[in-house]
């Protein structure tokens, strides 16, 4: 019981320190037409923040090579 509670408290503490990015992916299979439809919904602020982060990392690595 104490070990389980410690694990939950540890997980909650780690979750507070780690950023979360939320997206929803929905896949529908249409058997009549034999097609698959994939829908992805992304929160734009999360996507923009992540792209800016990786753009910065990519441009600093590229400029360091030159």
C-alpha atoms as a PDB file:
ATOM      1  CA  UNK A   1       0.000   0.000   0.000  1.00  0.00           C
ATOM      2  CA  UNK A   2       2.758   2.455   0.937  1.00  0.00           C
ATOM      3  CA  UNK A   3       4.786   1.472  -2.141  1.00  0.00           C
ATOM      4  CA  UNK A   4       1.790   2.094  -4.413  1.00  0.00           C
ATOM      5  CA  UNK A   5       1.121   5.492  -2.829  1.00  0.00           C
ATOM      6  CA  UNK A   6       4.790   6.429  -3.214  1.00  0.00           C
ATOM      7  CA  UNK A   7       4.639   5.521  -6.916  1.00  0.00           C
ATOM      8  CA  UNK A   8       1.563   7.717  -7.446  1.00  0.00           C
ATOM      9  CA  UNK A   9       3.122  10.653  -5.620  1.00  0.00           C
ATOM     10  CA  UNK A  10       6.344  10.248  -7.617  1.00  0.00           C
ATOM     11  CA  UNK A  11       4.411  10.107 -10.878  1.00  0.00           C
ATOM     12  CA  UNK A  12       2.405  13.221  -9.975  1.00  0.00           C
ATOM     13  CA  UNK A  13       5.594  15.110  -9.120  1.00  0.00           C
ATOM     14  CA  UNK A  14       7.261  14.125 -12.393  1.00  0.00           C
ATOM     15  CA  UNK A  15       4.101  15.073 -14.313  1.00  0.00           C
ATOM     16  CA  UNK A  16       4.266  18.590 -12.891  1.00  0.00           C
ATOM     17  CA  UNK A  17       7.812  19.016 -14.198  1.00  0.00           C
ATOM     18  CA  UNK A  18       7.180  17.635 -17.684  1.00  0.00           C
ATOM     19  CA  UNK A  19       5.279  19.617 -20.358  1.00  0.00           C
ATOM     20  CA  UNK A  20       2.303  17.914 -21.966  1.00  0.00           C
ATOM     21  CA  UNK A  21       1.240  18.283 -25.584  1.00  0.00           C
ATOM     22  CA  UNK A  22      -2.273  17.223 -26.489  1.00  0.00           C
ATOM     23  CA  UNK A  23      -3.555  16.031 -29.831  1.00  0.00           C
ATOM     24  CA  UNK A  24      -6.410  13.788 -30.849  1.00  0.00           C
ATOM     25  CA  UNK A  25      -6.157  11.275 -33.681  1.00  0.00           C
ATOM     26  CA  UNK A  26      -9.312   9.626 -34.974  1.00  0.00           C
ATOM     27  CA  UNK A  27      -9.216   6.763 -37.480  1.00  0.00           C
ATOM     28  CA  UNK A  28     -12.409   5.590 -39.160  1.00  0.00           C
ATOM     29  CA  UNK A  29     -12.589   2.556 -41.414  1.00  0.00           C
ATOM     30  CA  UNK A  30     -15.347   2.564 -44.002  1.00  0.00           C
ATOM     31  CA  UNK A  31     -15.976  -1.069 -44.919  1.00  0.00           C
ATOM     32  CA  UNK A  32     -18.485  -0.184 -47.642  1.00  0.00           C
ATOM     33  CA  UNK A  33     -15.980   1.916 -49.625  1.00  0.00           C
ATOM     34  CA  UNK A  34     -12.906   0.063 -48.280  1.00  0.00           C
ATOM     35  CA  UNK A  35     -11.305   3.344 -47.214  1.00  0.00           C
ATOM     36  CA  UNK A  36      -9.739   4.735 -44.066  1.00  0.00           C
ATOM     37  CA  UNK A  37     -10.221   8.300 -42.880  1.00  0.00           C
ATOM     38  CA  UNK A  38      -7.659   9.797 -40.518  1.00  0.00           C
ATOM     39  CA  UNK A  39      -8.345  13.035 -38.662  1.00  0.00           C
ATOM     40  CA  UNK A  40      -5.705  14.751 -36.514  1.00  0.00           C
ATOM     41  CA  UNK A  41      -6.573  17.645 -34.216  1.00  0.00           C
ATOM     42  CA  UNK A  42      -3.652  19.508 -32.687  1.00  0.00           C
ATOM     43  CA  UNK A  43      -3.727  22.479 -30.347  1.00  0.00           C
ATOM     44  CA  UNK A  44      -2.009  25.162 -32.401  1.00  0.00           C
ATOM     45  CA  UNK A  45      -0.171  26.769 -29.480  1.00  0.00           C
ATOM     46  CA  UNK A  46       1.462  23.441 -28.594  1.00  0.00           C
ATOM     47  CA  UNK A  47       2.439  22.845 -32.218  1.00  0.00           C
ATOM     48  CA  UNK A  48       3.828  26.366 -32.654  1.00  0.00           C
ATOM     49  CA  UNK A  49       5.870  26.148 -29.446  1.00  0.00           C
ATOM     50  CA  UNK A  50       7.341  22.784 -30.440  1.00  0.00           C
ATOM     51  CA  UNK A  51       8.171  23.921 -33.982  1.00  0.00           C
ATOM     52  CA  UNK A  52       9.897  27.050 -32.668  1.00  0.00           C
ATOM     53  CA  UNK A  53      11.941  24.943 -30.257  1.00  0.00           C
ATOM     54  CA  UNK A  54      13.116  22.550 -32.968  1.00  0.00           C
ATOM     55  CA  UNK A  55      13.712  25.367 -35.459  1.00  0.00           C
ATOM     56  CA  UNK A  56      16.037  26.988 -32.918  1.00  0.00           C
ATOM     57  CA  UNK A  57      17.870  23.698 -32.337  1.00  0.00           C
ATOM     58  CA  UNK A  58      18.183  23.043 -36.082  1.00  0.00           C
ATOM     59  CA  UNK A  59      19.420  26.532 -36.957  1.00  0.00           C
ATOM     60  CA  UNK A  60      22.005  26.573 -34.146  1.00  0.00           C
ATOM     61  CA  UNK A  61      23.341  23.156 -35.193  1.00  0.00           C
ATOM     62  CA  UNK A  62      23.450  24.229 -38.856  1.00  0.00           C
ATOM     63  CA  UNK A  63      25.294  27.462 -38.053  1.00  0.00           C
ATOM     64  CA  UNK A  64      27.776  25.585 -35.857  1.00  0.00           C
ATOM     65  CA  UNK A  65      28.722  23.375 -38.832  1.00  0.00           C
ATOM     66  CA  UNK A  66      29.648  26.381 -41.007  1.00  0.00           C
END
